Amino acid sequence: GLPTIAQQTDDFIITNTGNVGIGTITPN
């Protein structure tokens, strides 16, 4: 499943559309 909001606070992600998120896994 998806990490909770609290669990995302330390995360770094690059989505398949090229967006970069720091502290979120759904960068827009």
mmCIF file of all heavy atoms, coordinates in Angstrom:
data_MODEL
# 
_entry.id   MODEL 
# 
loop_
_atom_site.group_PDB 
_atom_site.id 
_atom_site.type_symbol 
_atom_site.label_atom_id 
_atom_site.label_alt_id 
_atom_site.label_comp_id 
_atom_site.label_asym_id 
_atom_site.label_entity_id 
_atom_site.label_seq_id 
_atom_site.pdbx_PDB_ins_code 
_atom_site.Cartn_x 
_atom_site.Cartn_y 
_atom_site.Cartn_z 
_atom_site.occupancy 
_atom_site.B_iso_or_equiv 
_atom_site.pdbx_formal_charge 
_atom_site.auth_seq_id 
_atom_site.auth_comp_id 
_atom_site.auth_asym_id 
_atom_site.auth_atom_id 
_atom_site.pdbx_PDB_model_num 
ATOM 1   N N   . GLY A 1 1  ? 0.816  -1.211 0.000   1.00 0.00 ? 1  GLY A N   1 
ATOM 2   C CA  . GLY A 1 1  ? 0.000  0.000  0.000   1.00 0.00 ? 1  GLY A CA  1 
ATOM 3   C C   . GLY A 1 1  ? 0.853  1.265  0.000   1.00 0.00 ? 1  GLY A C   1 
ATOM 4   O O   . GLY A 1 1  ? 2.085  1.217  -0.092  1.00 0.00 ? 1  GLY A O   1 
ATOM 5   N N   . LEU A 1 2  ? 0.185  2.398  0.099   1.00 0.00 ? 2  LEU A N   1 
ATOM 6   C CA  . LEU A 1 2  ? 0.884  3.679  0.097   1.00 0.00 ? 2  LEU A CA  1 
ATOM 7   C C   . LEU A 1 2  ? 1.389  4.037  1.486   1.00 0.00 ? 2  LEU A C   1 
ATOM 8   O O   . LEU A 1 2  ? 0.698  3.793  2.488   1.00 0.00 ? 2  LEU A O   1 
ATOM 9   C CB  . LEU A 1 2  ? -0.057 4.790  -0.394  1.00 0.00 ? 2  LEU A CB  1 
ATOM 10  C CG  . LEU A 1 2  ? -0.537 4.708  -1.845  1.00 0.00 ? 2  LEU A CG  1 
ATOM 11  C CD1 . LEU A 1 2  ? -1.509 5.835  -2.133  1.00 0.00 ? 2  LEU A CD1 1 
ATOM 12  C CD2 . LEU A 1 2  ? 0.648  4.742  -2.808  1.00 0.00 ? 2  LEU A CD2 1 
ATOM 13  N N   . PRO A 1 3  ? 2.583  4.607  1.594   1.00 0.00 ? 3  PRO A N   1 
ATOM 14  C CA  . PRO A 1 3  ? 3.056  5.095  2.887   1.00 0.00 ? 3  PRO A CA  1 
ATOM 15  C C   . PRO A 1 3  ? 2.124  6.195  3.402   1.00 0.00 ? 3  PRO A C   1 
ATOM 16  O O   . PRO A 1 3  ? 1.518  6.944  2.627   1.00 0.00 ? 3  PRO A O   1 
ATOM 17  C CB  . PRO A 1 3  ? 4.449  5.658  2.579   1.00 0.00 ? 3  PRO A CB  1 
ATOM 18  C CG  . PRO A 1 3  ? 4.850  5.031  1.281   1.00 0.00 ? 3  PRO A CG  1 
ATOM 19  C CD  . PRO A 1 3  ? 3.579  4.817  0.515   1.00 0.00 ? 3  PRO A CD  1 
ATOM 20  N N   . THR A 1 4  ? 2.000  6.271  4.716   1.00 0.00 ? 4  THR A N   1 
ATOM 21  C CA  . THR A 1 4  ? 1.197  7.337  5.303   1.00 0.00 ? 4  THR A CA  1 
ATOM 22  C C   . THR A 1 4  ? 1.905  8.683  5.120   1.00 0.00 ? 4  THR A C   1 
ATOM 23  O O   . THR A 1 4  ? 3.092  8.756  4.785   1.00 0.00 ? 4  THR A O   1 
ATOM 24  C CB  . THR A 1 4  ? 0.970  7.081  6.795   1.00 0.00 ? 4  THR A CB  1 
ATOM 25  O OG1 . THR A 1 4  ? 2.235  7.165  7.474   1.00 0.00 ? 4  THR A OG1 1 
ATOM 26  C CG2 . THR A 1 4  ? 0.353  5.701  7.033   1.00 0.00 ? 4  THR A CG2 1 
ATOM 27  N N   . ILE A 1 5  ? 1.166  9.784  5.341   1.00 0.00 ? 5  ILE A N   1 
ATOM 28  C CA  . ILE A 1 5  ? 1.755  11.122 5.249   1.00 0.00 ? 5  ILE A CA  1 
ATOM 29  C C   . ILE A 1 5  ? 2.949  11.240 6.184   1.00 0.00 ? 5  ILE A C   1 
ATOM 30  O O   . ILE A 1 5  ? 3.999  11.787 5.823   1.00 0.00 ? 5  ILE A O   1 
ATOM 31  C CB  . ILE A 1 5  ? 0.698  12.202 5.564   1.00 0.00 ? 5  ILE A CB  1 
ATOM 32  C CG1 . ILE A 1 5  ? -0.454 12.146 4.552   1.00 0.00 ? 5  ILE A CG1 1 
ATOM 33  C CG2 . ILE A 1 5  ? 1.335  13.578 5.579   1.00 0.00 ? 5  ILE A CG2 1 
ATOM 34  C CD1 . ILE A 1 5  ? -0.033 12.418 3.129   1.00 0.00 ? 5  ILE A CD1 1 
ATOM 35  N N   . ALA A 1 6  ? 2.821  10.720 7.403   1.00 0.00 ? 6  ALA A N   1 
ATOM 36  C CA  . ALA A 1 6  ? 3.918  10.798 8.372   1.00 0.00 ? 6  ALA A CA  1 
ATOM 37  C C   . ALA A 1 6  ? 5.131  10.012 7.900   1.00 0.00 ? 6  ALA A C   1 
ATOM 38  O O   . ALA A 1 6  ? 6.283  10.415 8.114   1.00 0.00 ? 6  ALA A O   1 
ATOM 39  C CB  . ALA A 1 6  ? 3.454  10.303 9.732   1.00 0.00 ? 6  ALA A CB  1 
ATOM 40  N N   . GLN A 1 7  ? 4.888  8.854  7.241   1.00 0.00 ? 7  GLN A N   1 
ATOM 41  C CA  . GLN A 1 7  ? 6.004  8.039  6.762   1.00 0.00 ? 7  GLN A CA  1 
ATOM 42  C C   . GLN A 1 7  ? 6.713  8.683  5.570   1.00 0.00 ? 7  GLN A C   1 
ATOM 43  O O   . GLN A 1 7  ? 7.902  8.414  5.327   1.00 0.00 ? 7  GLN A O   1 
ATOM 44  C CB  . GLN A 1 7  ? 5.487  6.654  6.363   1.00 0.00 ? 7  GLN A CB  1 
ATOM 45  C CG  . GLN A 1 7  ? 5.027  5.801  7.532   1.00 0.00 ? 7  GLN A CG  1 
ATOM 46  C CD  . GLN A 1 7  ? 4.317  4.535  7.081   1.00 0.00 ? 7  GLN A CD  1 
ATOM 47  O OE1 . GLN A 1 7  ? 3.802  4.449  5.961   1.00 0.00 ? 7  GLN A OE1 1 
ATOM 48  N NE2 . GLN A 1 7  ? 4.259  3.541  7.978   1.00 0.00 ? 7  GLN A NE2 1 
ATOM 49  N N   . GLN A 1 8  ? 6.026  9.554  4.840   1.00 0.00 ? 8  GLN A N   1 
ATOM 50  C CA  . GLN A 1 8  ? 6.618  10.173 3.653   1.00 0.00 ? 8  GLN A CA  1 
ATOM 51  C C   . GLN A 1 8  ? 7.540  11.343 3.966   1.00 0.00 ? 8  GLN A C   1 
ATOM 52  O O   . GLN A 1 8  ? 8.282  11.810 3.090   1.00 0.00 ? 8  GLN A O   1 
ATOM 53  C CB  . GLN A 1 8  ? 5.507  10.686 2.724   1.00 0.00 ? 8  GLN A CB  1 
ATOM 54  C CG  . GLN A 1 8  ? 4.620  9.620  2.149   1.00 0.00 ? 8  GLN A CG  1 
ATOM 55  C CD  . GLN A 1 8  ? 3.506  10.215 1.302   1.00 0.00 ? 8  GLN A CD  1 
ATOM 56  O OE1 . GLN A 1 8  ? 3.702  11.219 0.618   1.00 0.00 ? 8  GLN A OE1 1 
ATOM 57  N NE2 . GLN A 1 8  ? 2.319  9.588  1.328   1.00 0.00 ? 8  GLN A NE2 1 
ATOM 58  N N   . THR A 1 9  ? 7.545  11.837 5.198   1.00 0.00 ? 9  THR A N   1 
ATOM 59  C CA  . THR A 1 9  ? 8.241  13.098 5.495   1.00 0.00 ? 9  THR A CA  1 
ATOM 60  C C   . THR A 1 9  ? 9.739  13.038 5.213   1.00 0.00 ? 9  THR A C   1 
ATOM 61  O O   . THR A 1 9  ? 10.380 14.064 4.982   1.00 0.00 ? 9  THR A O   1 
ATOM 62  C CB  . THR A 1 9  ? 8.015  13.497 6.959   1.00 0.00 ? 9  THR A CB  1 
ATOM 63  O OG1 . THR A 1 9  ? 8.452  12.424 7.811   1.00 0.00 ? 9  THR A OG1 1 
ATOM 64  C CG2 . THR A 1 9  ? 6.541  13.800 7.216   1.00 0.00 ? 9  THR A CG2 1 
ATOM 65  N N   . ASP A 1 10 ? 10.333 11.835 5.241   1.00 0.00 ? 10 ASP A N   1 
ATOM 66  C CA  . ASP A 1 10 ? 11.777 11.719 4.987   1.00 0.00 ? 10 ASP A CA  1 
ATOM 67  C C   . ASP A 1 10 ? 12.073 11.150 3.602   1.00 0.00 ? 10 ASP A C   1 
ATOM 68  O O   . ASP A 1 10 ? 13.240 10.960 3.244   1.00 0.00 ? 10 ASP A O   1 
ATOM 69  C CB  . ASP A 1 10 ? 12.423 10.818 6.044   1.00 0.00 ? 10 ASP A CB  1 
ATOM 70  C CG  . ASP A 1 10 ? 11.902 9.384  5.958   1.00 0.00 ? 10 ASP A CG  1 
ATOM 71  O OD1 . ASP A 1 10 ? 10.672 9.214  6.086   1.00 0.00 ? 10 ASP A OD1 1 
ATOM 72  O OD2 . ASP A 1 10 ? 12.703 8.460  5.745   1.00 0.00 ? 10 ASP A OD2 1 
ATOM 73  N N   . ASP A 1 11 ? 11.030 10.912 2.782   1.00 0.00 ? 11 ASP A N   1 
ATOM 74  C CA  . ASP A 1 11 ? 11.223 10.204 1.512   1.00 0.00 ? 11 ASP A CA  1 
ATOM 75  C C   . ASP A 1 11 ? 11.690 11.123 0.382   1.00 0.00 ? 11 ASP A C   1 
ATOM 76  O O   . ASP A 1 11 ? 11.421 12.335 0.383   1.00 0.00 ? 11 ASP A O   1 
ATOM 77  C CB  . ASP A 1 11 ? 9.917  9.521  1.084   1.00 0.00 ? 11 ASP A CB  1 
ATOM 78  C CG  . ASP A 1 11 ? 9.596  8.301  1.935   1.00 0.00 ? 11 ASP A CG  1 
ATOM 79  O OD1 . ASP A 1 11 ? 10.255 8.137  2.974   1.00 0.00 ? 11 ASP A OD1 1 
ATOM 80  O OD2 . ASP A 1 11 ? 8.687  7.547  1.561   1.00 0.00 ? 11 ASP A OD2 1 
ATOM 81  N N   . PHE A 1 12 ? 12.368 10.501 -0.572  1.00 0.00 ? 12 PHE A N   1 
ATOM 82  C CA  . PHE A 1 12 ? 12.778 11.152 -1.822  1.00 0.00 ? 12 PHE A CA  1 
ATOM 83  C C   . PHE A 1 12 ? 12.295 10.272 -2.964  1.00 0.00 ? 12 PHE A C   1 
ATOM 84  O O   . PHE A 1 12 ? 12.494 9.049  -2.939  1.00 0.00 ? 12 PHE A O   1 
ATOM 85  C CB  . PHE A 1 12 ? 14.294 11.308 -1.882  1.00 0.00 ? 12 PHE A CB  1 
ATOM 86  C CG  . PHE A 1 12 ? 14.813 11.769 -3.215  1.00 0.00 ? 12 PHE A CG  1 
ATOM 87  C CD1 . PHE A 1 12 ? 14.887 13.120 -3.513  1.00 0.00 ? 12 PHE A CD1 1 
ATOM 88  C CD2 . PHE A 1 12 ? 15.210 10.846 -4.181  1.00 0.00 ? 12 PHE A CD2 1 
ATOM 89  C CE1 . PHE A 1 12 ? 15.360 13.551 -4.756  1.00 0.00 ? 12 PHE A CE1 1 
ATOM 90  C CE2 . PHE A 1 12 ? 15.678 11.263 -5.425  1.00 0.00 ? 12 PHE A CE2 1 
ATOM 91  C CZ  . PHE A 1 12 ? 15.749 12.622 -5.710  1.00 0.00 ? 12 PHE A CZ  1 
ATOM 92  N N   . ILE A 1 13 ? 11.663 10.908 -3.980  1.00 0.00 ? 13 ILE A N   1 
ATOM 93  C CA  . ILE A 1 13 ? 11.116 10.109 -5.065  1.00 0.00 ? 13 ILE A CA  1 
ATOM 94  C C   . ILE A 1 13 ? 11.286 10.817 -6.403  1.00 0.00 ? 13 ILE A C   1 
ATOM 95  O O   . ILE A 1 13 ? 11.259 12.059 -6.473  1.00 0.00 ? 13 ILE A O   1 
ATOM 96  C CB  . ILE A 1 13 ? 9.624  9.803  -4.811  1.00 0.00 ? 13 ILE A CB  1 
ATOM 97  C CG1 . ILE A 1 13 ? 9.150  8.661  -5.711  1.00 0.00 ? 13 ILE A CG1 1 
ATOM 98  C CG2 . ILE A 1 13 ? 8.759  11.048 -4.988  1.00 0.00 ? 13 ILE A CG2 1 
ATOM 99  C CD1 . ILE A 1 13 ? 7.769  8.130  -5.333  1.00 0.00 ? 13 ILE A CD1 1 
ATOM 100 N N   . ILE A 1 14 ? 11.507 10.022 -7.441  1.00 0.00 ? 14 ILE A N   1 
ATOM 101 C CA  . ILE A 1 14 ? 11.413 10.491 -8.822  1.00 0.00 ? 14 ILE A CA  1 
ATOM 102 C C   . ILE A 1 14 ? 10.317 9.671  -9.469  1.00 0.00 ? 14 ILE A C   1 
ATOM 103 O O   . ILE A 1 14 ? 10.410 8.432  -9.539  1.00 0.00 ? 14 ILE A O   1 
ATOM 104 C CB  . ILE A 1 14 ? 12.726 10.323 -9.588  1.00 0.00 ? 14 ILE A CB  1 
ATOM 105 C CG1 . ILE A 1 14 ? 13.861 11.115 -8.920  1.00 0.00 ? 14 ILE A CG1 1 
ATOM 106 C CG2 . ILE A 1 14 ? 12.565 10.797 -11.035 1.00 0.00 ? 14 ILE A CG2 1 
ATOM 107 C CD1 . ILE A 1 14 ? 15.209 10.922 -9.573  1.00 0.00 ? 14 ILE A CD1 1 
ATOM 108 N N   . THR A 1 15 ? 9.259  10.338 -9.933  1.00 0.00 ? 15 THR A N   1 
ATOM 109 C CA  . THR A 1 15 ? 8.127  9.623  -10.501 1.00 0.00 ? 15 THR A CA  1 
ATOM 110 C C   . THR A 1 15 ? 8.410  9.254  -11.951 1.00 0.00 ? 15 THR A C   1 
ATOM 111 O O   . THR A 1 15 ? 9.378  9.721  -12.561 1.00 0.00 ? 15 THR A O   1 
ATOM 112 C CB  . THR A 1 15 ? 6.853  10.482 -10.430 1.00 0.00 ? 15 THR A CB  1 
ATOM 113 O OG1 . THR A 1 15 ? 6.986  11.583 -11.339 1.00 0.00 ? 15 THR A OG1 1 
ATOM 114 C CG2 . THR A 1 15 ? 6.622  10.998 -9.015  1.00 0.00 ? 15 THR A CG2 1 
ATOM 115 N N   . ASN A 1 16 ? 7.513  8.441  -12.528 1.00 0.00 ? 16 ASN A N   1 
ATOM 116 C CA  . ASN A 1 16 ? 7.693  8.036  -13.919 1.00 0.00 ? 16 ASN A CA  1 
ATOM 117 C C   . ASN A 1 16 ? 7.400  9.164  -14.905 1.00 0.00 ? 16 ASN A C   1 
ATOM 118 O O   . ASN A 1 16 ? 7.617  9.022  -16.102 1.00 0.00 ? 16 ASN A O   1 
ATOM 119 C CB  . ASN A 1 16 ? 6.837  6.806  -14.241 1.00 0.00 ? 16 ASN A CB  1 
ATOM 120 C CG  . ASN A 1 16 ? 5.344  7.052  -13.990 1.00 0.00 ? 16 ASN A CG  1 
ATOM 121 O OD1 . ASN A 1 16 ? 4.936  8.160  -13.660 1.00 0.00 ? 16 ASN A OD1 1 
ATOM 122 N ND2 . ASN A 1 16 ? 4.547  5.993  -14.130 1.00 0.00 ? 16 ASN A ND2 1 
ATOM 123 N N   . THR A 1 17 ? 6.924  10.310 -14.416 1.00 0.00 ? 17 THR A N   1 
ATOM 124 C CA  . THR A 1 17 ? 6.752  11.499 -15.266 1.00 0.00 ? 17 THR A CA  1 
ATOM 125 C C   . THR A 1 17 ? 7.917  12.478 -15.119 1.00 0.00 ? 17 THR A C   1 
ATOM 126 O O   . THR A 1 17 ? 7.918  13.538 -15.742 1.00 0.00 ? 17 THR A O   1 
ATOM 127 C CB  . THR A 1 17 ? 5.442  12.230 -14.928 1.00 0.00 ? 17 THR A CB  1 
ATOM 128 O OG1 . THR A 1 17 ? 5.470  12.650 -13.562 1.00 0.00 ? 17 THR A OG1 1 
ATOM 129 C CG2 . THR A 1 17 ? 4.241  11.320 -15.176 1.00 0.00 ? 17 THR A CG2 1 
ATOM 130 N N   . GLY A 1 18 ? 8.884  12.144 -14.259 1.00 0.00 ? 18 GLY A N   1 
ATOM 131 C CA  . GLY A 1 18 ? 10.056 12.988 -14.095 1.00 0.00 ? 18 GLY A CA  1 
ATOM 132 C C   . GLY A 1 18 ? 9.961  14.002 -12.977 1.00 0.00 ? 18 GLY A C   1 
ATOM 133 O O   . GLY A 1 18 ? 10.902 14.785 -12.757 1.00 0.00 ? 18 GLY A O   1 
ATOM 134 N N   . ASN A 1 19 ? 8.853  14.014 -12.251 1.00 0.00 ? 19 ASN A N   1 
ATOM 135 C CA  . ASN A 1 19 ? 8.735  14.929 -11.114 1.00 0.00 ? 19 ASN A CA  1 
ATOM 136 C C   . ASN A 1 19 ? 9.556  14.416 -9.938  1.00 0.00 ? 19 ASN A C   1 
ATOM 137 O O   . ASN A 1 19 ? 9.698  13.202 -9.742  1.00 0.00 ? 19 ASN A O   1 
ATOM 138 C CB  . ASN A 1 19 ? 7.276  15.093 -10.686 1.00 0.00 ? 19 ASN A CB  1 
ATOM 139 C CG  . ASN A 1 19 ? 6.465  15.888 -11.695 1.00 0.00 ? 19 ASN A CG  1 
ATOM 140 O OD1 . ASN A 1 19 ? 7.022  16.468 -12.627 1.00 0.00 ? 19 ASN A OD1 1 
ATOM 141 N ND2 . ASN A 1 19 ? 5.155  15.926 -11.509 1.00 0.00 ? 19 ASN A ND2 1 
ATOM 142 N N   . VAL A 1 20 ? 10.089 15.359 -9.151  1.00 0.00 ? 20 VAL A N   1 
ATOM 143 C CA  . VAL A 1 20 ? 10.918 15.025 -7.992  1.00 0.00 ? 20 VAL A CA  1 
ATOM 144 C C   . VAL A 1 20 ? 10.191 15.477 -6.731  1.00 0.00 ? 20 VAL A C   1 
ATOM 145 O O   . VAL A 1 20 ? 9.732  16.633 -6.648  1.00 0.00 ? 20 VAL A O   1 
ATOM 146 C CB  . VAL A 1 20 ? 12.301 15.700 -8.074  1.00 0.00 ? 20 VAL A CB  1 
ATOM 147 C CG1 . VAL A 1 20 ? 13.115 15.430 -6.806  1.00 0.00 ? 20 VAL A CG1 1 
ATOM 148 C CG2 . VAL A 1 20 ? 13.057 15.219 -9.310  1.00 0.00 ? 20 VAL A CG2 1 
ATOM 149 N N   . GLY A 1 21 ? 10.065 14.559 -5.783  1.00 0.00 ? 21 GLY A N   1 
ATOM 150 C CA  . GLY A 1 21 ? 9.425  14.891 -4.523  1.00 0.00 ? 21 GLY A CA  1 
ATOM 151 C C   . GLY A 1 21 ? 10.362 14.686 -3.348  1.00 0.00 ? 21 GLY A C   1 
ATOM 152 O O   . GLY A 1 21 ? 11.086 13.698 -3.279  1.00 0.00 ? 21 GLY A O   1 
ATOM 153 N N   . ILE A 1 22 ? 10.355 15.640 -2.425  1.00 0.00 ? 22 ILE A N   1 
ATOM 154 C CA  . ILE A 1 22 ? 11.101 15.530 -1.172  1.00 0.00 ? 22 ILE A CA  1 
ATOM 155 C C   . ILE A 1 22 ? 10.094 15.736 -0.054  1.00 0.00 ? 22 ILE A C   1 
ATOM 156 O O   . ILE A 1 22 ? 9.462  16.794 0.031   1.00 0.00 ? 22 ILE A O   1 
ATOM 157 C CB  . ILE A 1 22 ? 12.228 16.573 -1.080  1.00 0.00 ? 22 ILE A CB  1 
ATOM 158 C CG1 . ILE A 1 22 ? 13.219 16.400 -2.232  1.00 0.00 ? 22 ILE A CG1 1 
ATOM 159 C CG2 . ILE A 1 22 ? 12.948 16.484 0.262   1.00 0.00 ? 22 ILE A CG2 1 
ATOM 160 C CD1 . ILE A 1 22 ? 14.283 17.481 -2.300  1.00 0.00 ? 22 ILE A CD1 1 
ATOM 161 N N   . GLY A 1 23 ? 9.888  14.718 0.770   1.00 0.00 ? 23 GLY A N   1 
ATOM 162 C CA  . GLY A 1 23 ? 8.872  14.799 1.819   1.00 0.00 ? 23 GLY A CA  1 
ATOM 163 C C   . GLY A 1 23 ? 7.481  14.463 1.327   1.00 0.00 ? 23 GLY A C   1 
ATOM 164 O O   . GLY A 1 23 ? 6.513  14.571 2.074   1.00 0.00 ? 23 GLY A O   1 
ATOM 165 N N   . THR A 1 24 ? 7.364  14.057 0.080   1.00 0.00 ? 24 THR A N   1 
ATOM 166 C CA  . THR A 1 24 ? 6.096  13.622 -0.500  1.00 0.00 ? 24 THR A CA  1 
ATOM 167 C C   . THR A 1 24 ? 6.389  12.620 -1.603  1.00 0.00 ? 24 THR A C   1 
ATOM 168 O O   . THR A 1 24 ? 7.401  12.731 -2.304  1.00 0.00 ? 24 THR A O   1 
ATOM 169 C CB  . THR A 1 24 ? 5.302  14.809 -1.069  1.00 0.00 ? 24 THR A CB  1 
ATOM 170 O OG1 . THR A 1 24 ? 4.098  14.311 -1.691  1.00 0.00 ? 24 THR A OG1 1 
ATOM 171 C CG2 . THR A 1 24 ? 6.100  15.575 -2.107  1.00 0.00 ? 24 THR A CG2 1 
ATOM 172 N N   . ILE A 1 25 ? 5.494  11.643 -1.759  1.00 0.00 ? 25 ILE A N   1 
ATOM 173 C CA  . ILE A 1 25 ? 5.683  10.670 -2.841  1.00 0.00 ? 25 ILE A CA  1 
ATOM 174 C C   . ILE A 1 25 ? 4.777  10.983 -4.031  1.00 0.00 ? 25 ILE A C   1 
ATOM 175 O O   . ILE A 1 25 ? 4.747  10.228 -5.005  1.00 0.00 ? 25 ILE A O   1 
ATOM 176 C CB  . ILE A 1 25 ? 5.426  9.227  -2.349  1.00 0.00 ? 25 ILE A CB  1 
ATOM 177 C CG1 . ILE A 1 25 ? 3.972  9.064  -1.905  1.00 0.00 ? 25 ILE A CG1 1 
ATOM 178 C CG2 . ILE A 1 25 ? 6.394  8.846  -1.236  1.00 0.00 ? 25 ILE A CG2 1 
ATOM 179 C CD1 . ILE A 1 25 ? 3.570  7.619  -1.670  1.00 0.00 ? 25 ILE A CD1 1 
ATOM 180 N N   . THR A 1 26 ? 4.031  12.081 -3.945  1.00 0.00 ? 26 THR A N   1 
ATOM 181 C CA  . THR A 1 26 ? 3.144  12.473 -5.055  1.00 0.00 ? 26 THR A CA  1 
ATOM 182 C C   . THR A 1 26 ? 3.444  13.903 -5.499  1.00 0.00 ? 26 THR A C   1 
ATOM 183 O O   . THR A 1 26 ? 2.583  14.785 -5.402  1.00 0.00 ? 26 THR A O   1 
ATOM 184 C CB  . THR A 1 26 ? 1.676  12.337 -4.632  1.00 0.00 ? 26 THR A CB  1 
ATOM 185 O OG1 . THR A 1 26 ? 1.447  13.125 -3.442  1.00 0.00 ? 26 THR A OG1 1 
ATOM 186 C CG2 . THR A 1 26 ? 1.301  10.888 -4.396  1.00 0.00 ? 26 THR A CG2 1 
ATOM 187 N N   . PRO A 1 27 ? 4.663  14.161 -5.969  1.00 0.00 ? 27 PRO A N   1 
ATOM 188 C CA  . PRO A 1 27 ? 4.985  15.528 -6.410  1.00 0.00 ? 27 PRO A CA  1 
ATOM 189 C C   . PRO A 1 27 ? 4.181  15.902 -7.655  1.00 0.00 ? 27 PRO A C   1 
ATOM 190 O O   . PRO A 1 27 ? 4.063  15.101 -8.588  1.00 0.00 ? 27 PRO A O   1 
ATOM 191 C CB  . PRO A 1 27 ? 6.482  15.454 -6.717  1.00 0.00 ? 27 PRO A CB  1 
ATOM 192 C CG  . PRO A 1 27 ? 6.725  14.015 -7.057  1.00 0.00 ? 27 PRO A CG  1 
ATOM 193 C CD  . PRO A 1 27 ? 5.789  13.236 -6.181  1.00 0.00 ? 27 PRO A CD  1 
ATOM 194 N N   . ASN A 1 28 ? 3.603  17.108 -7.657  1.00 0.00 ? 28 ASN A N   1 
ATOM 195 C CA  . ASN A 1 28 ? 2.806  17.540 -8.811  1.00 0.00 ? 28 ASN A CA  1 
ATOM 196 C C   . ASN A 1 28 ? 3.486  18.650 -9.606  1.00 0.00 ? 28 ASN A C   1 
ATOM 197 O O   . ASN A 1 28 ? 2.860  19.274 -10.459 1.00 0.00 ? 28 ASN A O   1 
ATOM 198 C CB  . ASN A 1 28 ? 1.405  17.984 -8.370  1.00 0.00 ? 28 ASN A CB  1 
ATOM 199 C CG  . ASN A 1 28 ? 1.452  18.993 -7.241  1.00 0.00 ? 28 ASN A CG  1 
ATOM 200 O OD1 . ASN A 1 28 ? 2.415  19.736 -7.096  1.00 0.00 ? 28 ASN A OD1 1 
ATOM 201 N ND2 . ASN A 1 28 ? 0.406  18.996 -6.423  1.00 0.00 ? 28 ASN A ND2 1 
# 
